[in-house]
Amino acid sequence: MPKRNACSILPKDIRLQLHQSLVDSNLGDFEYHSDLLKSLGHSISKSTIHRYCQKHGDEIRSSVLLSDHDKFMYDIRMRCLEVSSGFAEGDFDQLFKKADVMLNWVKLA
């Protein structure tokens, strides 16, 4: 069984931070990422990071895109609640029902 890449076994929060940083640099500047990881207490060479990107590039990009999508959906939910609050007048059940209707409308658009 081949040895796992050191980037694959980083703690999840550190790995997600690395993914975001890699996407921001278009999967380049491995020396910067090696220094970043070292500052976070994980000594990983730029060659190891490069091999990790070659093997997992699509996964790295999609993990960050998913995060961006989640942020976008959160913003939409908050905006739907904000708009529906003008119609619900203190009735929380009505507020959430109207917000859900708006959110479903946005998803269908």
N, C-alpha and C. Protein backbone atom coordinates (compact mmCIF):
# COMPACT_ATOMS: atom_id res chain seq x y z
N MET A 1 0.85 -1.17 0.00
CA MET A 1 0.00 0.00 0.00
C MET A 1 0.90 1.24 0.00
N PRO A 2 0.66 2.17 -0.93
CA PRO A 2 1.50 3.36 -1.00
C PRO A 2 1.27 4.29 0.19
N LYS A 3 2.33 5.03 0.53
CA LYS A 3 2.26 5.98 1.62
C LYS A 3 1.33 7.14 1.25
N ARG A 4 0.50 7.57 2.19
CA ARG A 4 -0.43 8.69 1.94
C ARG A 4 0.35 10.00 1.93
N ASN A 5 -0.09 10.89 1.07
CA ASN A 5 0.50 12.22 0.99
C ASN A 5 0.25 12.96 2.30
N ALA A 6 1.27 13.67 2.78
CA ALA A 6 1.16 14.38 4.06
C ALA A 6 0.03 15.40 4.06
N CYS A 7 -0.30 15.97 2.91
CA CYS A 7 -1.41 16.93 2.84
C CYS A 7 -2.75 16.25 3.09
N SER A 8 -2.85 14.98 2.73
CA SER A 8 -4.11 14.25 2.89
C SER A 8 -4.45 13.98 4.34
N ILE A 9 -3.44 13.97 5.20
CA ILE A 9 -3.68 13.64 6.60
C ILE A 9 -3.63 14.86 7.52
N LEU A 10 -3.62 16.05 6.92
CA LEU A 10 -3.71 17.27 7.73
C LEU A 10 -5.07 17.31 8.43
N PRO A 11 -5.16 17.98 9.58
CA PRO A 11 -6.48 18.17 10.20
C PRO A 11 -7.41 18.88 9.21
N LYS A 12 -8.69 18.56 9.28
CA LYS A 12 -9.64 19.06 8.28
C LYS A 12 -9.63 20.58 8.15
N ASP A 13 -9.59 21.30 9.26
CA ASP A 13 -9.62 22.77 9.17
C ASP A 13 -8.37 23.32 8.49
N ILE A 14 -7.22 22.71 8.74
CA ILE A 14 -5.97 23.13 8.09
C ILE A 14 -6.02 22.77 6.61
N ARG A 15 -6.52 21.58 6.30
CA ARG A 15 -6.61 21.15 4.90
C ARG A 15 -7.54 22.06 4.10
N LEU A 16 -8.67 22.46 4.69
CA LEU A 16 -9.59 23.38 4.00
C LEU A 16 -8.96 24.75 3.81
N GLN A 17 -8.19 25.19 4.79
CA GLN A 17 -7.47 26.47 4.65
C GLN A 17 -6.44 26.36 3.52
N LEU A 18 -5.75 25.23 3.45
CA LEU A 18 -4.79 25.00 2.36
C LEU A 18 -5.52 24.99 1.02
N HIS A 19 -6.65 24.32 0.94
CA HIS A 19 -7.43 24.27 -0.31
C HIS A 19 -7.82 25.67 -0.77
N GLN A 20 -8.32 26.48 0.16
CA GLN A 20 -8.72 27.85 -0.20
C GLN A 20 -7.52 28.64 -0.71
N SER A 21 -6.41 28.50 -0.04
CA SER A 21 -5.20 29.22 -0.44
C SER A 21 -4.69 28.73 -1.79
N LEU A 22 -4.77 27.43 -2.03
CA LEU A 22 -4.34 26.88 -3.32
C LEU A 22 -5.23 27.38 -4.45
N VAL A 23 -6.52 27.40 -4.24
CA VAL A 23 -7.44 27.89 -5.28
C VAL A 23 -7.19 29.37 -5.53
N ASP A 24 -6.97 30.13 -4.47
CA ASP A 24 -6.69 31.56 -4.63
C ASP A 24 -5.45 31.81 -5.47
N SER A 25 -4.50 30.87 -5.42
CA SER A 25 -3.26 31.02 -6.19
C SER A 25 -3.28 30.20 -7.49
N ASN A 26 -4.47 29.72 -7.87
CA ASN A 26 -4.63 28.91 -9.08
C ASN A 26 -3.74 27.66 -9.05
N LEU A 27 -3.73 27.01 -7.90
CA LEU A 27 -2.94 25.79 -7.66
C LEU A 27 -1.46 26.00 -7.99
N GLY A 28 -0.92 27.10 -7.54
CA GLY A 28 0.50 27.39 -7.76
C GLY A 28 1.14 27.93 -6.50
N ASP A 29 2.36 28.46 -6.64
CA ASP A 29 3.13 29.07 -5.55
C ASP A 29 3.27 28.12 -4.36
N PHE A 30 3.85 26.96 -4.62
CA PHE A 30 3.94 25.91 -3.60
C PHE A 30 4.87 26.29 -2.45
N GLU A 31 5.85 27.14 -2.72
CA GLU A 31 6.73 27.59 -1.64
C GLU A 31 5.93 28.40 -0.61
N TYR A 32 5.05 29.27 -1.09
CA TYR A 32 4.19 30.05 -0.19
C TYR A 32 3.35 29.12 0.68
N HIS A 33 2.76 28.09 0.06
CA HIS A 33 1.89 27.18 0.80
C HIS A 33 2.67 26.34 1.80
N SER A 34 3.90 25.98 1.44
CA SER A 34 4.76 25.26 2.37
C SER A 34 5.05 26.14 3.59
N ASP A 35 5.34 27.42 3.34
CA ASP A 35 5.59 28.36 4.45
C ASP A 35 4.33 28.57 5.29
N LEU A 36 3.18 28.65 4.62
CA LEU A 36 1.91 28.80 5.33
C LEU A 36 1.68 27.63 6.28
N LEU A 37 1.85 26.42 5.77
CA LEU A 37 1.65 25.23 6.60
C LEU A 37 2.66 25.19 7.74
N LYS A 38 3.90 25.58 7.47
CA LYS A 38 4.91 25.61 8.52
C LYS A 38 4.49 26.57 9.63
N SER A 39 3.92 27.73 9.25
CA SER A 39 3.48 28.70 10.26
C SER A 39 2.31 28.16 11.09
N LEU A 40 1.61 27.17 10.54
CA LEU A 40 0.49 26.54 11.25
C LEU A 40 0.91 25.27 11.98
N GLY A 41 2.24 25.00 11.96
CA GLY A 41 2.76 23.85 12.70
C GLY A 41 2.87 22.56 11.92
N HIS A 42 2.82 22.63 10.59
CA HIS A 42 2.89 21.43 9.75
C HIS A 42 3.97 21.62 8.69
N SER A 43 5.07 20.91 8.84
CA SER A 43 6.19 21.06 7.92
C SER A 43 6.00 20.11 6.73
N ILE A 44 5.59 20.69 5.59
CA ILE A 44 5.35 19.91 4.38
C ILE A 44 6.07 20.61 3.23
N SER A 45 6.83 19.84 2.46
CA SER A 45 7.64 20.43 1.39
C SER A 45 6.77 20.90 0.23
N LYS A 46 7.34 21.82 -0.55
CA LYS A 46 6.62 22.32 -1.72
C LYS A 46 6.42 21.21 -2.75
N SER A 47 7.34 20.25 -2.83
CA SER A 47 7.19 19.12 -3.76
C SER A 47 6.01 18.24 -3.36
N THR A 48 5.85 18.03 -2.07
CA THR A 48 4.72 17.23 -1.58
C THR A 48 3.40 17.92 -1.89
N ILE A 49 3.36 19.24 -1.71
CA ILE A 49 2.15 20.00 -2.01
C ILE A 49 1.85 19.94 -3.51
N HIS A 50 2.90 20.02 -4.33
CA HIS A 50 2.73 19.95 -5.79
C HIS A 50 2.14 18.59 -6.19
N ARG A 51 2.68 17.51 -5.63
CA ARG A 51 2.15 16.17 -5.95
C ARG A 51 0.69 16.05 -5.51
N TYR A 52 0.38 16.60 -4.35
CA TYR A 52 -0.99 16.59 -3.84
C TYR A 52 -1.93 17.31 -4.81
N CYS A 53 -1.50 18.45 -5.33
CA CYS A 53 -2.31 19.22 -6.28
C CYS A 53 -2.50 18.47 -7.59
N GLN A 54 -1.45 17.80 -8.05
CA GLN A 54 -1.56 17.04 -9.29
C GLN A 54 -2.59 15.93 -9.15
N LYS A 55 -2.60 15.28 -8.01
CA LYS A 55 -3.50 14.14 -7.81
C LYS A 55 -4.92 14.57 -7.42
N HIS A 56 -5.05 15.67 -6.68
CA HIS A 56 -6.35 16.04 -6.11
C HIS A 56 -6.85 17.42 -6.55
N GLY A 57 -6.35 17.94 -7.66
CA GLY A 57 -6.70 19.29 -8.10
C GLY A 57 -8.20 19.53 -8.22
N ASP A 58 -8.92 18.61 -8.85
CA ASP A 58 -10.38 18.78 -9.02
C ASP A 58 -11.10 18.77 -7.67
N GLU A 59 -10.67 17.88 -6.80
CA GLU A 59 -11.26 17.79 -5.45
C GLU A 59 -11.01 19.09 -4.67
N ILE A 60 -9.80 19.63 -4.81
CA ILE A 60 -9.45 20.88 -4.12
C ILE A 60 -10.35 22.01 -4.60
N ARG A 61 -10.48 22.13 -5.91
CA ARG A 61 -11.33 23.20 -6.47
C ARG A 61 -12.79 23.04 -6.04
N SER A 62 -13.31 21.81 -6.10
CA SER A 62 -14.73 21.61 -5.78
C SER A 62 -15.00 21.84 -4.30
N SER A 63 -14.05 21.53 -3.42
CA SER A 63 -14.28 21.77 -1.99
C SER A 63 -14.43 23.25 -1.70
N VAL A 64 -13.68 24.07 -2.41
CA VAL A 64 -13.78 25.52 -2.22
C VAL A 64 -15.03 26.05 -2.90
N LEU A 65 -15.36 25.54 -4.08
CA LEU A 65 -16.57 25.98 -4.77
C LEU A 65 -17.81 25.65 -3.96
N LEU A 66 -17.81 24.48 -3.35
CA LEU A 66 -18.94 24.10 -2.51
C LEU A 66 -19.08 25.08 -1.35
N SER A 67 -17.96 25.45 -0.78
CA SER A 67 -18.00 26.41 0.32
C SER A 67 -18.56 27.75 -0.16
N ASP A 68 -18.14 28.20 -1.33
CA ASP A 68 -18.67 29.45 -1.88
C ASP A 68 -20.17 29.33 -2.13
N HIS A 69 -20.60 28.17 -2.63
CA HIS A 69 -22.03 27.94 -2.87
C HIS A 69 -22.81 28.00 -1.56
N ASP A 70 -22.26 27.37 -0.52
CA ASP A 70 -22.93 27.39 0.79
C ASP A 70 -23.06 28.82 1.31
N LYS A 71 -22.02 29.63 1.15
CA LYS A 71 -22.07 31.03 1.58
C LYS A 71 -23.14 31.78 0.78
N PHE A 72 -23.20 31.52 -0.50
CA PHE A 72 -24.18 32.16 -1.37
C PHE A 72 -25.60 31.80 -0.93
N MET A 73 -25.84 30.52 -0.67
CA MET A 73 -27.17 30.08 -0.24
C MET A 73 -27.54 30.68 1.12
N TYR A 74 -26.58 30.81 2.01
CA TYR A 74 -26.84 31.45 3.30
C TYR A 74 -27.29 32.90 3.09
N ASP A 75 -26.57 33.61 2.23
CA ASP A 75 -26.94 35.00 1.94
C ASP A 75 -28.34 35.10 1.35
N ILE A 76 -28.69 34.17 0.47
CA ILE A 76 -30.03 34.18 -0.12
C ILE A 76 -31.09 33.92 0.96
N ARG A 77 -30.84 32.95 1.84
CA ARG A 77 -31.80 32.66 2.91
C ARG A 77 -32.02 33.89 3.79
N MET A 78 -30.92 34.55 4.14
CA MET A 78 -31.04 35.74 4.99
C MET A 78 -31.82 36.85 4.29
N ARG A 79 -31.59 37.02 3.01
CA ARG A 79 -32.30 38.05 2.24
C ARG A 79 -33.79 37.72 2.15
N CYS A 80 -34.12 36.44 1.96
CA CYS A 80 -35.53 36.03 1.91
C CYS A 80 -36.21 36.30 3.25
N LEU A 81 -35.51 36.02 4.35
CA LEU A 81 -36.08 36.32 5.67
C LEU A 81 -36.27 37.82 5.86
N GLU A 82 -35.29 38.58 5.39
CA GLU A 82 -35.38 40.04 5.51
C GLU A 82 -36.59 40.59 4.74
N VAL A 83 -36.75 40.12 3.52
CA VAL A 83 -37.87 40.59 2.69
C VAL A 83 -39.20 40.14 3.30
N SER A 84 -39.29 38.89 3.72
CA SER A 84 -40.56 38.38 4.26
C SER A 84 -40.92 39.03 5.59
N SER A 85 -39.94 39.57 6.31
CA SER A 85 -40.24 40.22 7.59
C SER A 85 -41.12 41.46 7.39
N GLY A 86 -41.10 42.03 6.21
CA GLY A 86 -41.96 43.16 5.91
C GLY A 86 -43.42 42.77 5.73
N PHE A 87 -43.67 41.47 5.52
CA PHE A 87 -45.04 40.99 5.30
C PHE A 87 -45.61 40.23 6.50
N ALA A 88 -44.75 39.71 7.37
CA ALA A 88 -45.20 38.81 8.43
C ALA A 88 -45.68 39.55 9.69
N GLU A 89 -45.22 40.74 9.95
CA GLU A 89 -45.65 41.57 11.07
C GLU A 89 -45.66 40.82 12.41
N GLY A 90 -44.52 40.27 12.81
CA GLY A 90 -44.37 39.65 14.12
C GLY A 90 -44.78 38.20 14.22
N ASP A 91 -45.39 37.63 13.23
CA ASP A 91 -45.81 36.23 13.24
C ASP A 91 -44.67 35.38 12.65
N PHE A 92 -43.90 34.72 13.55
CA PHE A 92 -42.72 33.99 13.10
C PHE A 92 -43.05 32.82 12.18
N ASP A 93 -44.16 32.12 12.46
CA ASP A 93 -44.54 31.02 11.56
C ASP A 93 -44.79 31.54 10.15
N GLN A 94 -45.50 32.65 10.08
CA GLN A 94 -45.80 33.26 8.78
C GLN A 94 -44.51 33.76 8.12
N LEU A 95 -43.61 34.31 8.94
CA LEU A 95 -42.32 34.81 8.43
C LEU A 95 -41.55 33.69 7.73
N PHE A 96 -41.43 32.55 8.42
CA PHE A 96 -40.67 31.44 7.84
C PHE A 96 -41.37 30.84 6.62
N LYS A 97 -42.69 30.77 6.66
CA LYS A 97 -43.42 30.24 5.50
C LYS A 97 -43.20 31.12 4.27
N LYS A 98 -43.30 32.44 4.46
CA LYS A 98 -43.09 33.36 3.34
C LYS A 98 -41.65 33.29 2.84
N ALA A 99 -40.70 33.19 3.78
CA ALA A 99 -39.29 33.08 3.39
C ALA A 99 -39.04 31.80 2.60
N ASP A 100 -39.67 30.68 3.02
CA ASP A 100 -39.52 29.42 2.30
C ASP A 100 -40.09 29.51 0.89
N VAL A 101 -41.24 30.18 0.75
CA VAL A 101 -41.84 30.36 -0.58
C VAL A 101 -40.89 31.14 -1.47
N MET A 102 -40.32 32.22 -0.93
CA MET A 102 -39.37 33.03 -1.72
C MET A 102 -38.12 32.24 -2.07
N LEU A 103 -37.62 31.48 -1.11
CA LEU A 103 -36.41 30.68 -1.35
C LEU A 103 -36.66 29.64 -2.43
N ASN A 104 -37.81 28.99 -2.40
CA ASN A 104 -38.14 28.02 -3.45
C ASN A 104 -38.26 28.69 -4.80
N TRP A 105 -38.82 29.89 -4.83
CA TRP A 105 -38.92 30.65 -6.07
C TRP A 105 -37.52 30.96 -6.62
N VAL A 106 -36.60 31.36 -5.73
CA VAL A 106 -35.23 31.67 -6.15
C VAL A 106 -34.55 30.42 -6.70
N LYS A 107 -34.75 29.29 -6.04
CA LYS A 107 -34.11 28.04 -6.49
C LYS A 107 -34.61 27.62 -7.87
N LEU A 108 -35.87 27.92 -8.18
CA LEU A 108 -36.44 27.54 -9.48
C LEU A 108 -36.01 28.48 -10.59
N ALA A 109 -35.59 29.68 -10.24
CA ALA A 109 -35.22 30.69 -11.25
C ALA A 109 -33.95 30.32 -11.98
